[in-house]
Every structure is written in structure tokens, then in C-alpha cells.
Amino acid sequence: MTDSFPIQLAVMTAAAFLCRMAGFTLMRFVPLTPRVEAALRATPLAVMSGIVALALMKGGLAEGLALSAVAAFTLATGRDVTAALVGVAVVAALRWVGV
């Protein structure tokens, strides 16, 4: 940990907070049409797809197997947050055994 870490953390926290507040504030002025509602519902999936694509591109076998485990767990149970934790556990276990 460097001396500038607390400053960096504070700046990132402020930026994240301002982005969220700007979104809430700007949405006051956007009429909620069916098209806007559909776009808002699709945004989390688009963000997760981007994160997963980067992880697979930069990662290797462990990430691919973890993604498969997450997909299987989500389809079997429908619990997406728990599936994400399963994915983290799979990557950790595979890294621990040297994959």
C-alpha cells in the first residue's frame, strides 16, 4: 500500500458517488417510455457481458471454468449473486491448485 492510496480511494469513491447521483438526477428529466425502460433493464446485462468478455480475453482456463460454473449455477438455481460467489470460489480453488 502506498501513501497515496487513501487519496486515490477517496477520489474513486467520490467519482462513483457523483456518477450515481448524476444518473438519478438526470433521470428526473427523462420520460419513462417503454423504450427507455427496456434500455434500463438491459444495461446490467450489457455491463456484466463487458466485464466477462474482458476477463475471458485476459484470463485463461480458470476463468473459463468459473464462467461455466456461474452459468450452470444460475440456470439451475436462478440466484445470480450466489452464482457470482460460486465463480469467485471456483477461480480461487483453481488458482490454489495451480491451474
PDB file of N, CA and C in Angstrom:
ATOM      1  N   MET A   1       0.845  -1.173   0.000  1.00  0.00           N
ATOM      2  CA  MET A   1       0.000   0.000   0.000  1.00  0.00           C
ATOM      3  C   MET A   1       0.886   1.231   0.000  1.00  0.00           C
ATOM      4  N   THR A   2       0.590   2.158  -0.889  1.00  0.00           N
ATOM      5  CA  THR A   2       1.382   3.372  -0.982  1.00  0.00           C
ATOM      6  C   THR A   2       0.760   4.486  -0.153  1.00  0.00           C
ATOM      7  N   ASP A   3       1.503   5.568  -0.013  1.00  0.00           N
ATOM      8  CA  ASP A   3       0.996   6.704   0.757  1.00  0.00           C
ATOM      9  C   ASP A   3      -0.180   7.376   0.062  1.00  0.00           C
ATOM     10  N   SER A   4      -0.236   7.272  -1.250  1.00  0.00           N
ATOM     11  CA  SER A   4      -1.309   7.943  -1.981  1.00  0.00           C
ATOM     12  C   SER A   4      -2.582   7.093  -2.069  1.00  0.00           C
ATOM     13  N   PHE A   5      -2.553   5.871  -1.551  1.00  0.00           N
ATOM     14  CA  PHE A   5      -3.717   5.002  -1.656  1.00  0.00           C
ATOM     15  C   PHE A   5      -4.970   5.602  -1.022  1.00  0.00           C
ATOM     16  N   PRO A   6      -4.914   6.160   0.185  1.00  0.00           N
ATOM     17  CA  PRO A   6      -6.140   6.749   0.753  1.00  0.00           C
ATOM     18  C   PRO A   6      -6.704   7.883  -0.114  1.00  0.00           C
ATOM     19  N   ILE A   7      -5.831   8.658  -0.732  1.00  0.00           N
ATOM     20  CA  ILE A   7      -6.289   9.744  -1.605  1.00  0.00           C
ATOM     21  C   ILE A   7      -6.953   9.156  -2.846  1.00  0.00           C
ATOM     22  N   GLN A   8      -6.320   8.146  -3.430  1.00  0.00           N
ATOM     23  CA  GLN A   8      -6.893   7.506  -4.609  1.00  0.00           C
ATOM     24  C   GLN A   8      -8.250   6.882  -4.285  1.00  0.00           C
ATOM     25  N   LEU A   9      -8.343   6.242  -3.144  1.00  0.00           N
ATOM     26  CA  LEU A   9      -9.597   5.628  -2.725  1.00  0.00           C
ATOM     27  C   LEU A   9     -10.682   6.680  -2.541  1.00  0.00           C
ATOM     28  N   ALA A  10     -10.331   7.804  -1.927  1.00  0.00           N
ATOM     29  CA  ALA A  10     -11.309   8.877  -1.723  1.00  0.00           C
ATOM     30  C   ALA A  10     -11.770   9.462  -3.056  1.00  0.00           C
ATOM     31  N   VAL A  11     -10.860   9.642  -3.999  1.00  0.00           N
ATOM     32  CA  VAL A  11     -11.222  10.187  -5.308  1.00  0.00           C
ATOM     33  C   VAL A  11     -12.125   9.210  -6.052  1.00  0.00           C
ATOM     34  N   MET A  12     -11.797   7.909  -6.032  1.00  0.00           N
ATOM     35  CA  MET A  12     -12.632   6.922  -6.711  1.00  0.00           C
ATOM     36  C   MET A  12     -14.010   6.826  -6.067  1.00  0.00           C
ATOM     37  N   THR A  13     -14.074   6.929  -4.745  1.00  0.00           N
ATOM     38  CA  THR A  13     -15.352   6.895  -4.042  1.00  0.00           C
ATOM     39  C   THR A  13     -16.202   8.095  -4.432  1.00  0.00           C
ATOM     40  N   ALA A  14     -15.583   9.267  -4.467  1.00  0.00           N
ATOM     41  CA  ALA A  14     -16.316  10.476  -4.848  1.00  0.00           C
ATOM     42  C   ALA A  14     -16.795  10.387  -6.294  1.00  0.00           C
ATOM     43  N   ALA A  15     -15.960   9.877  -7.180  1.00  0.00           N
ATOM     44  CA  ALA A  15     -16.353   9.753  -8.588  1.00  0.00           C
ATOM     45  C   ALA A  15     -17.523   8.784  -8.744  1.00  0.00           C
ATOM     46  N   ALA A  16     -17.468   7.654  -8.057  1.00  0.00           N
ATOM     47  CA  ALA A  16     -18.567   6.680  -8.133  1.00  0.00           C
ATOM     48  C   ALA A  16     -19.857   7.289  -7.586  1.00  0.00           C
ATOM     49  N   PHE A  17     -19.753   7.993  -6.479  1.00  0.00           N
ATOM     50  CA  PHE A  17     -20.930   8.625  -5.882  1.00  0.00           C
ATOM     51  C   PHE A  17     -21.521   9.671  -6.827  1.00  0.00           C
ATOM     52  N   LEU A  18     -20.665  10.509  -7.402  1.00  0.00           N
ATOM     53  CA  LEU A  18     -21.152  11.551  -8.312  1.00  0.00           C
ATOM     54  C   LEU A  18     -21.798  10.954  -9.564  1.00  0.00           C
ATOM     55  N   CYS A  19     -21.230   9.871 -10.085  1.00  0.00           N
ATOM     56  CA  CYS A  19     -21.837   9.210 -11.247  1.00  0.00           C
ATOM     57  C   CYS A  19     -23.224   8.682 -10.922  1.00  0.00           C
ATOM     58  N   ARG A  20     -23.368   8.070  -9.767  1.00  0.00           N
ATOM     59  CA  ARG A  20     -24.684   7.532  -9.390  1.00  0.00           C
ATOM     60  C   ARG A  20     -25.687   8.652  -9.158  1.00  0.00           C
ATOM     61  N   MET A  21     -25.270   9.703  -8.476  1.00  0.00           N
ATOM     62  CA  MET A  21     -26.179  10.817  -8.214  1.00  0.00           C
ATOM     63  C   MET A  21     -26.543  11.538  -9.512  1.00  0.00           C
ATOM     64  N   ALA A  22     -25.594  11.659 -10.429  1.00  0.00           N
ATOM     65  CA  ALA A  22     -25.895  12.296 -11.712  1.00  0.00           C
ATOM     66  C   ALA A  22     -26.930  11.472 -12.472  1.00  0.00           C
ATOM     67  N   GLY A  23     -26.810  10.159 -12.421  1.00  0.00           N
ATOM     68  CA  GLY A  23     -27.786   9.303 -13.083  1.00  0.00           C
ATOM     69  C   GLY A  23     -29.179   9.481 -12.512  1.00  0.00           C
ATOM     70  N   PHE A  24     -29.280   9.484 -11.193  1.00  0.00           N
ATOM     71  CA  PHE A  24     -30.585   9.681 -10.557  1.00  0.00           C
ATOM     72  C   PHE A  24     -31.148  11.060 -10.884  1.00  0.00           C
ATOM     73  N   THR A  25     -30.291  12.071 -10.854  1.00  0.00           N
ATOM     74  CA  THR A  25     -30.733  13.438 -11.120  1.00  0.00           C
ATOM     75  C   THR A  25     -31.198  13.595 -12.565  1.00  0.00           C
ATOM     76  N   LEU A  26     -30.411  13.084 -13.505  1.00  0.00           N
ATOM     77  CA  LEU A  26     -30.775  13.223 -14.915  1.00  0.00           C
ATOM     78  C   LEU A  26     -32.028  12.434 -15.273  1.00  0.00           C
ATOM     79  N   MET A  27     -32.259  11.309 -14.604  1.00  0.00           N
ATOM     80  CA  MET A  27     -33.444  10.503 -14.917  1.00  0.00           C
ATOM     81  C   MET A  27     -34.735  11.208 -14.516  1.00  0.00           C
ATOM     82  N   ARG A  28     -34.643  12.255 -13.701  1.00  0.00           N
ATOM     83  CA  ARG A  28     -35.843  13.035 -13.378  1.00  0.00           C
ATOM     84  C   ARG A  28     -36.400  13.731 -14.618  1.00  0.00           C
ATOM     85  N   PHE A  29     -35.509  14.013 -15.562  1.00  0.00           N
ATOM     86  CA  PHE A  29     -35.896  14.779 -16.741  1.00  0.00           C
ATOM     87  C   PHE A  29     -36.157  13.905 -17.970  1.00  0.00           C
ATOM     88  N   VAL A  30     -36.003  12.594 -17.835  1.00  0.00           N
ATOM     89  CA  VAL A  30     -36.202  11.679 -18.963  1.00  0.00           C
ATOM     90  C   VAL A  30     -37.550  10.989 -18.784  1.00  0.00           C
ATOM     91  N   PRO A  31     -38.450  11.158 -19.746  1.00  0.00           N
ATOM     92  CA  PRO A  31     -39.737  10.454 -19.630  1.00  0.00           C
ATOM     93  C   PRO A  31     -39.530   8.944 -19.763  1.00  0.00           C
ATOM     94  N   LEU A  32     -40.190   8.193 -18.908  1.00  0.00           N
ATOM     95  CA  LEU A  32     -40.009   6.744 -18.873  1.00  0.00           C
ATOM     96  C   LEU A  32     -40.948   6.084 -19.895  1.00  0.00           C
ATOM     97  N   THR A  33     -40.460   6.008 -21.115  1.00  0.00           N
ATOM     98  CA  THR A  33     -41.207   5.345 -22.183  1.00  0.00           C
ATOM     99  C   THR A  33     -40.863   3.859 -22.168  1.00  0.00           C
ATOM    100  N   PRO A  34     -41.599   3.027 -22.847  1.00  0.00           N
ATOM    101  CA  PRO A  34     -41.260   1.600 -22.905  1.00  0.00           C
ATOM    102  C   PRO A  34     -39.860   1.352 -23.463  1.00  0.00           C
ATOM    103  N   ARG A  35     -39.438   2.176 -24.407  1.00  0.00           N
ATOM    104  CA  ARG A  35     -38.103   2.011 -24.991  1.00  0.00           C
ATOM    105  C   ARG A  35     -37.004   2.331 -23.969  1.00  0.00           C
ATOM    106  N   VAL A  36     -37.194   3.404 -23.199  1.00  0.00           N
ATOM    107  CA  VAL A  36     -36.213   3.773 -22.165  1.00  0.00           C
ATOM    108  C   VAL A  36     -36.196   2.705 -21.082  1.00  0.00           C
ATOM    109  N   GLU A  37     -37.358   2.215 -20.706  1.00  0.00           N
ATOM    110  CA  GLU A  37     -37.425   1.164 -19.687  1.00  0.00           C
ATOM    111  C   GLU A  37     -36.703  -0.100 -20.149  1.00  0.00           C
ATOM    112  N   ALA A  38     -36.868  -0.467 -21.407  1.00  0.00           N
ATOM    113  CA  ALA A  38     -36.176  -1.641 -21.947  1.00  0.00           C
ATOM    114  C   ALA A  38     -34.659  -1.428 -21.934  1.00  0.00           C
ATOM    115  N   ALA A  39     -34.218  -0.227 -22.260  1.00  0.00           N
ATOM    116  CA  ALA A  39     -32.783   0.068 -22.238  1.00  0.00           C
ATOM    117  C   ALA A  39     -32.233  -0.014 -20.818  1.00  0.00           C
ATOM    118  N   LEU A  40     -32.977   0.500 -19.855  1.00  0.00           N
ATOM    119  CA  LEU A  40     -32.528   0.444 -18.466  1.00  0.00           C
ATOM    120  C   LEU A  40     -32.479  -0.996 -17.951  1.00  0.00           C
ATOM    121  N   ARG A  41     -33.415  -1.820 -18.393  1.00  0.00           N
ATOM    122  CA  ARG A  41     -33.395  -3.225 -17.970  1.00  0.00           C
ATOM    123  C   ARG A  41     -32.236  -3.988 -18.598  1.00  0.00           C
ATOM    124  N   ALA A  42     -31.804  -3.582 -19.786  1.00  0.00           N
ATOM    125  CA  ALA A  42     -30.729  -4.286 -20.485  1.00  0.00           C
ATOM    126  C   ALA A  42     -29.335  -3.841 -20.036  1.00  0.00           C
ATOM    127  N   THR A  43     -29.222  -2.712 -19.372  1.00  0.00           N
ATOM    128  CA  THR A  43     -27.915  -2.168 -19.006  1.00  0.00           C
ATOM    129  C   THR A  43     -27.105  -3.096 -18.104  1.00  0.00           C
ATOM    130  N   PRO A  44     -27.647  -3.667 -17.023  1.00  0.00           N
ATOM    131  CA  PRO A  44     -26.820  -4.550 -16.188  1.00  0.00           C
ATOM    132  C   PRO A  44     -26.247  -5.737 -16.953  1.00  0.00           C
ATOM    133  N   LEU A  45     -27.031  -6.320 -17.832  1.00  0.00           N
ATOM    134  CA  LEU A  45     -26.547  -7.449 -18.625  1.00  0.00           C
ATOM    135  C   LEU A  45     -25.417  -7.010 -19.552  1.00  0.00           C
ATOM    136  N   ALA A  46     -25.546  -5.832 -20.129  1.00  0.00           N
ATOM    137  CA  ALA A  46     -24.505  -5.328 -21.021  1.00  0.00           C
ATOM    138  C   ALA A  46     -23.208  -5.069 -20.257  1.00  0.00           C
ATOM    139  N   VAL A  47     -23.316  -4.508 -19.077  1.00  0.00           N
ATOM    140  CA  VAL A  47     -22.127  -4.244 -18.272  1.00  0.00           C
ATOM    141  C   VAL A  47     -21.458  -5.552 -17.859  1.00  0.00           C
ATOM    142  N   MET A  48     -22.243  -6.516 -17.395  1.00  0.00           N
ATOM    143  CA  MET A  48     -21.674  -7.798 -16.994  1.00  0.00           C
ATOM    144  C   MET A  48     -21.046  -8.526 -18.178  1.00  0.00           C
ATOM    145  N   SER A  49     -21.659  -8.423 -19.349  1.00  0.00           N
ATOM    146  CA  SER A  49     -21.087  -9.051 -20.539  1.00  0.00           C
ATOM    147  C   SER A  49     -19.728  -8.456 -20.872  1.00  0.00           C
ATOM    148  N   GLY A  50     -19.614  -7.148 -20.743  1.00  0.00           N
ATOM    149  CA  GLY A  50     -18.333  -6.494 -20.986  1.00  0.00           C
ATOM    150  C   GLY A  50     -17.267  -6.926 -19.996  1.00  0.00           C
ATOM    151  N   ILE A  51     -17.631  -7.043 -18.734  1.00  0.00           N
ATOM    152  CA  ILE A  51     -16.680  -7.474 -17.703  1.00  0.00           C
ATOM    153  C   ILE A  51     -16.248  -8.918 -17.956  1.00  0.00           C
ATOM    154  N   VAL A  52     -17.210  -9.765 -18.264  1.00  0.00           N
ATOM    155  CA  VAL A  52     -16.900 -11.182 -18.509  1.00  0.00           C
ATOM    156  C   VAL A  52     -16.038 -11.341 -19.756  1.00  0.00           C
ATOM    157  N   ALA A  53     -16.344 -10.586 -20.799  1.00  0.00           N
ATOM    158  CA  ALA A  53     -15.554 -10.682 -22.030  1.00  0.00           C
ATOM    159  C   ALA A  53     -14.101 -10.294 -21.774  1.00  0.00           C
ATOM    160  N   LEU A  54     -13.876  -9.246 -21.013  1.00  0.00           N
ATOM    161  CA  LEU A  54     -12.506  -8.843 -20.688  1.00  0.00           C
ATOM    162  C   LEU A  54     -11.801  -9.899 -19.838  1.00  0.00           C
ATOM    163  N   ALA A  55     -12.518 -10.460 -18.873  1.00  0.00           N
ATOM    164  CA  ALA A  55     -11.915 -11.486 -18.022  1.00  0.00           C
ATOM    165  C   ALA A  55     -11.535 -12.717 -18.837  1.00  0.00           C
ATOM    166  N   LEU A  56     -12.387 -13.112 -19.754  1.00  0.00           N
ATOM    167  CA  LEU A  56     -12.076 -14.276 -20.590  1.00  0.00           C
ATOM    168  C   LEU A  56     -10.927 -13.984 -21.549  1.00  0.00           C
ATOM    169  N   MET A  57     -10.888 -12.767 -22.076  1.00  0.00           N
ATOM    170  CA  MET A  57      -9.836 -12.413 -23.019  1.00  0.00           C
ATOM    171  C   MET A  57      -8.467 -12.377 -22.336  1.00  0.00           C
ATOM    172  N   LYS A  58      -8.420 -11.833 -21.139  1.00  0.00           N
ATOM    173  CA  LYS A  58      -7.156 -11.720 -20.410  1.00  0.00           C
ATOM    174  C   LYS A  58      -6.844 -12.960 -19.588  1.00  0.00           C
ATOM    175  N   GLY A  59      -7.860 -13.704 -19.231  1.00  0.00           N
ATOM    176  CA  GLY A  59      -7.675 -14.843 -18.348  1.00  0.00           C
ATOM    177  C   GLY A  59      -7.341 -16.114 -19.104  1.00  0.00           C
ATOM    178  N   GLY A  60      -7.560 -17.201 -18.432  1.00  0.00           N
ATOM    179  CA  GLY A  60      -7.238 -18.493 -19.026  1.00  0.00           C
ATOM    180  C   GLY A  60      -8.258 -19.541 -18.665  1.00  0.00           C
ATOM    181  N   LEU A  61      -7.755 -20.728 -18.411  1.00  0.00           N
ATOM    182  CA  LEU A  61      -8.617 -21.866 -18.121  1.00  0.00           C
ATOM    183  C   LEU A  61      -9.446 -21.654 -16.851  1.00  0.00           C
ATOM    184  N   ALA A  62      -8.836 -21.097 -15.816  1.00  0.00           N
ATOM    185  CA  ALA A  62      -9.549 -20.899 -14.552  1.00  0.00           C
ATOM    186  C   ALA A  62     -10.765 -19.996 -14.741  1.00  0.00           C
ATOM    187  N   GLU A  63     -10.592 -18.923 -15.494  1.00  0.00           N
ATOM    188  CA  GLU A  63     -11.704 -18.007 -15.721  1.00  0.00           C
ATOM    189  C   GLU A  63     -12.798 -18.648 -16.568  1.00  0.00           C
ATOM    190  N   GLY A  64     -12.408 -19.412 -17.569  1.00  0.00           N
ATOM    191  CA  GLY A  64     -13.383 -20.099 -18.403  1.00  0.00           C
ATOM    192  C   GLY A  64     -14.197 -21.111 -17.622  1.00  0.00           C
ATOM    193  N   LEU A  65     -13.515 -21.867 -16.762  1.00  0.00           N
ATOM    194  CA  LEU A  65     -14.228 -22.851 -15.944  1.00  0.00           C
ATOM    195  C   LEU A  65     -15.137 -22.168 -14.927  1.00  0.00           C
ATOM    196  N   ALA A  66     -14.672 -21.050 -14.375  1.00  0.00           N
ATOM    197  CA  ALA A  66     -15.504 -20.312 -13.419  1.00  0.00           C
ATOM    198  C   ALA A  66     -16.745 -19.764 -14.104  1.00  0.00           C
ATOM    199  N   LEU A  67     -16.587 -19.247 -15.314  1.00  0.00           N
ATOM    200  CA  LEU A  67     -17.748 -18.743 -16.048  1.00  0.00           C
ATOM    201  C   LEU A  67     -18.736 -19.871 -16.330  1.00  0.00           C
ATOM    202  N   SER A  68     -18.229 -21.025 -16.682  1.00  0.00           N
ATOM    203  CA  SER A  68     -19.109 -22.171 -16.908  1.00  0.00           C
ATOM    204  C   SER A  68     -19.855 -22.550 -15.637  1.00  0.00           C
ATOM    205  N   ALA A  69     -19.148 -22.517 -14.512  1.00  0.00           N
ATOM    206  CA  ALA A  69     -19.791 -22.831 -13.231  1.00  0.00           C
ATOM    207  C   ALA A  69     -20.865 -21.805 -12.889  1.00  0.00           C
ATOM    208  N   VAL A  70     -20.574 -20.537 -13.146  1.00  0.00           N
ATOM    209  CA  VAL A  70     -21.551 -19.480 -12.871  1.00  0.00           C
ATOM    210  C   VAL A  70     -22.792 -19.656 -13.747  1.00  0.00           C
ATOM    211  N   ALA A  71     -22.587 -19.924 -15.026  1.00  0.00           N
ATOM    212  CA  ALA A  71     -23.727 -20.113 -15.936  1.00  0.00           C
ATOM    213  C   ALA A  71     -24.565 -21.312 -15.509  1.00  0.00           C
ATOM    214  N   ALA A  72     -23.909 -22.407 -15.172  1.00  0.00           N
ATOM    215  CA  ALA A  72     -24.643 -23.609 -14.760  1.00  0.00           C
ATOM    216  C   ALA A  72     -25.409 -23.372 -13.459  1.00  0.00           C
ATOM    217  N   PHE A  73     -24.762 -22.711 -12.505  1.00  0.00           N
ATOM    218  CA  PHE A  73     -25.410 -22.453 -11.214  1.00  0.00           C
ATOM    219  C   PHE A  73     -26.599 -21.511 -11.383  1.00  0.00           C
ATOM    220  N   THR A  74     -26.425 -20.491 -12.221  1.00  0.00           N
ATOM    221  CA  THR A  74     -27.520 -19.546 -12.451  1.00  0.00           C
ATOM    222  C   THR A  74     -28.702 -20.228 -13.121  1.00  0.00           C
ATOM    223  N   LEU A  75     -28.433 -21.056 -14.124  1.00  0.00           N
ATOM    224  CA  LEU A  75     -29.523 -21.763 -14.798  1.00  0.00           C
ATOM    225  C   LEU A  75     -30.215 -22.751 -13.868  1.00  0.00           C
ATOM    226  N   ALA A  76     -29.435 -23.387 -12.976  1.00  0.00           N
ATOM    227  CA  ALA A  76     -30.015 -24.391 -12.083  1.00  0.00           C
ATOM    228  C   ALA A  76     -30.823 -23.765 -10.950  1.00  0.00           C
ATOM    229  N   THR A  77     -30.343 -22.631 -10.409  1.00  0.00           N
ATOM    230  CA  THR A  77     -30.982 -22.068  -9.219  1.00  0.00           C
ATOM    231  C   THR A  77     -31.648 -20.722  -9.440  1.00  0.00           C
ATOM    232  N   GLY A  78     -31.187 -19.960 -10.421  1.00  0.00           N
ATOM    233  CA  GLY A  78     -31.724 -18.626 -10.645  1.00  0.00           C
ATOM    234  C   GLY A  78     -31.176 -17.577  -9.690  1.00  0.00           C
ATOM    235  N   ARG A  79     -30.187 -17.921  -8.923  1.00  0.00           N
ATOM    236  CA  ARG A  79     -29.606 -16.985  -7.953  1.00  0.00           C
ATOM    237  C   ARG A  79     -28.308 -16.418  -8.523  1.00  0.00           C
ATOM    238  N   ASP A  80     -28.383 -15.225  -9.082  1.00  0.00           N
ATOM    239  CA  ASP A  80     -27.224 -14.681  -9.774  1.00  0.00           C
ATOM    240  C   ASP A  80     -26.119 -14.208  -8.838  1.00  0.00           C
ATOM    241  N   VAL A  81     -26.466 -13.633  -7.698  1.00  0.00           N
ATOM    242  CA  VAL A  81     -25.432 -13.170  -6.764  1.00  0.00           C
ATOM    243  C   VAL A  81     -24.689 -14.365  -6.173  1.00  0.00           C
ATOM    244  N   THR A  82     -25.418 -15.392  -5.801  1.00  0.00           N
ATOM    245  CA  THR A  82     -24.779 -16.602  -5.284  1.00  0.00           C
ATOM    246  C   THR A  82     -23.917 -17.245  -6.363  1.00  0.00           C
ATOM    247  N   ALA A  83     -24.376 -17.208  -7.598  1.00  0.00           N
ATOM    248  CA  ALA A  83     -23.596 -17.762  -8.709  1.00  0.00           C
ATOM    249  C   ALA A  83     -22.288 -17.008  -8.879  1.00  0.00           C
ATOM    250  N   ALA A  84     -22.308 -15.691  -8.707  1.00  0.00           N
ATOM    251  CA  ALA A  84     -21.070 -14.909  -8.796  1.00  0.00           C
ATOM    252  C   ALA A  84     -20.093 -15.316  -7.702  1.00  0.00           C
ATOM    253  N   LEU A  85     -20.603 -15.562  -6.509  1.00  0.00           N
ATOM    254  CA  LEU A  85     -19.740 -16.025  -5.410  1.00  0.00           C
ATOM    255  C   LEU A  85     -19.186 -17.417  -5.705  1.00  0.00           C
ATOM    256  N   VAL A  86     -19.991 -18.251  -6.330  1.00  0.00           N
ATOM    257  CA  VAL A  86     -19.509 -19.577  -6.746  1.00  0.00           C
ATOM    258  C   VAL A  86     -18.368 -19.414  -7.746  1.00  0.00           C
ATOM    259  N   GLY A  87     -18.516 -18.492  -8.681  1.00  0.00           N
ATOM    260  CA  GLY A  87     -17.459 -18.236  -9.662  1.00  0.00           C
ATOM    261  C   GLY A  87     -16.169 -17.790  -9.017  1.00  0.00           C
ATOM    262  N   VAL A  88     -16.269 -16.905  -8.040  1.00  0.00           N
ATOM    263  CA  VAL A  88     -15.075 -16.454  -7.316  1.00  0.00           C
ATOM    264  C   VAL A  88     -14.430 -17.629  -6.592  1.00  0.00           C
ATOM    265  N   ALA A  89     -15.246 -18.474  -5.974  1.00  0.00           N
ATOM    266  CA  ALA A  89     -14.710 -19.637  -5.264  1.00  0.00           C
ATOM    267  C   ALA A  89     -14.033 -20.609  -6.234  1.00  0.00           C
ATOM    268  N   VAL A  90     -14.616 -20.800  -7.410  1.00  0.00           N
ATOM    269  CA  VAL A  90     -14.016 -21.710  -8.398  1.00  0.00           C
ATOM    270  C   VAL A  90     -12.667 -21.179  -8.857  1.00  0.00           C
ATOM    271  N   VAL A  91     -12.594 -19.891  -9.163  1.00  0.00           N
ATOM    272  CA  VAL A  91     -11.304 -19.309  -9.580  1.00  0.00           C
ATOM    273  C   VAL A  91     -10.285 -19.434  -8.456  1.00  0.00           C
ATOM    274  N   ALA A  92     -10.692 -19.134  -7.231  1.00  0.00           N
ATOM    275  CA  ALA A  92      -9.762 -19.221  -6.100  1.00  0.00           C
ATOM    276  C   ALA A  92      -9.255 -20.652  -5.914  1.00  0.00           C
ATOM    277  N   ALA A  93     -10.163 -21.614  -5.994  1.00  0.00           N
ATOM    278  CA  ALA A  93      -9.751 -23.017  -5.826  1.00  0.00           C
ATOM    279  C   ALA A  93      -8.813 -23.461  -6.946  1.00  0.00           C
ATOM    280  N   LEU A  94      -9.145 -23.066  -8.171  1.00  0.00           N
ATOM    281  CA  LEU A  94      -8.281 -23.448  -9.292  1.00  0.00           C
ATOM    282  C   LEU A  94      -6.912 -22.777  -9.206  1.00  0.00           C
ATOM    283  N   ARG A  95      -6.880 -21.545  -8.773  1.00  0.00           N
ATOM    284  CA  ARG A  95      -5.578 -20.872  -8.591  1.00  0.00           C
ATOM    285  C   ARG A  95      -4.774 -21.534  -7.473  1.00  0.00           C
ATOM    286  N   TRP A  96      -5.484 -21.969  -6.436  1.00  0.00           N
ATOM    287  CA  TRP A  96      -4.808 -22.586  -5.299  1.00  0.00           C
ATOM    288  C   TRP A  96      -4.144 -23.918  -5.713  1.00  0.00           C
ATOM    289  N   VAL A  97      -4.805 -24.658  -6.607  1.00  0.00           N
ATOM    290  CA  VAL A  97      -4.215 -25.926  -7.055  1.00  0.00           C
ATOM    291  C   VAL A  97      -3.255 -25.744  -8.226  1.00  0.00           C
ATOM    292  N   GLY A  98      -3.132 -24.510  -8.704  1.00  0.00           N
ATOM    293  CA  GLY A  98      -2.128 -24.228  -9.724  1.00  0.00           C
ATOM    294  C   GLY A  98      -2.603 -24.190 -11.152  1.00  0.00           C
ATOM    295  N   VAL A  99      -3.899 -24.080 -11.369  1.00  0.00           N
ATOM    296  CA  VAL A  99      -4.416 -24.011 -12.750  1.00  0.00           C
ATOM    297  C   VAL A  99      -4.353 -22.586 -13.233  1.00  0.00           C
TER     298      VAL A  99
END
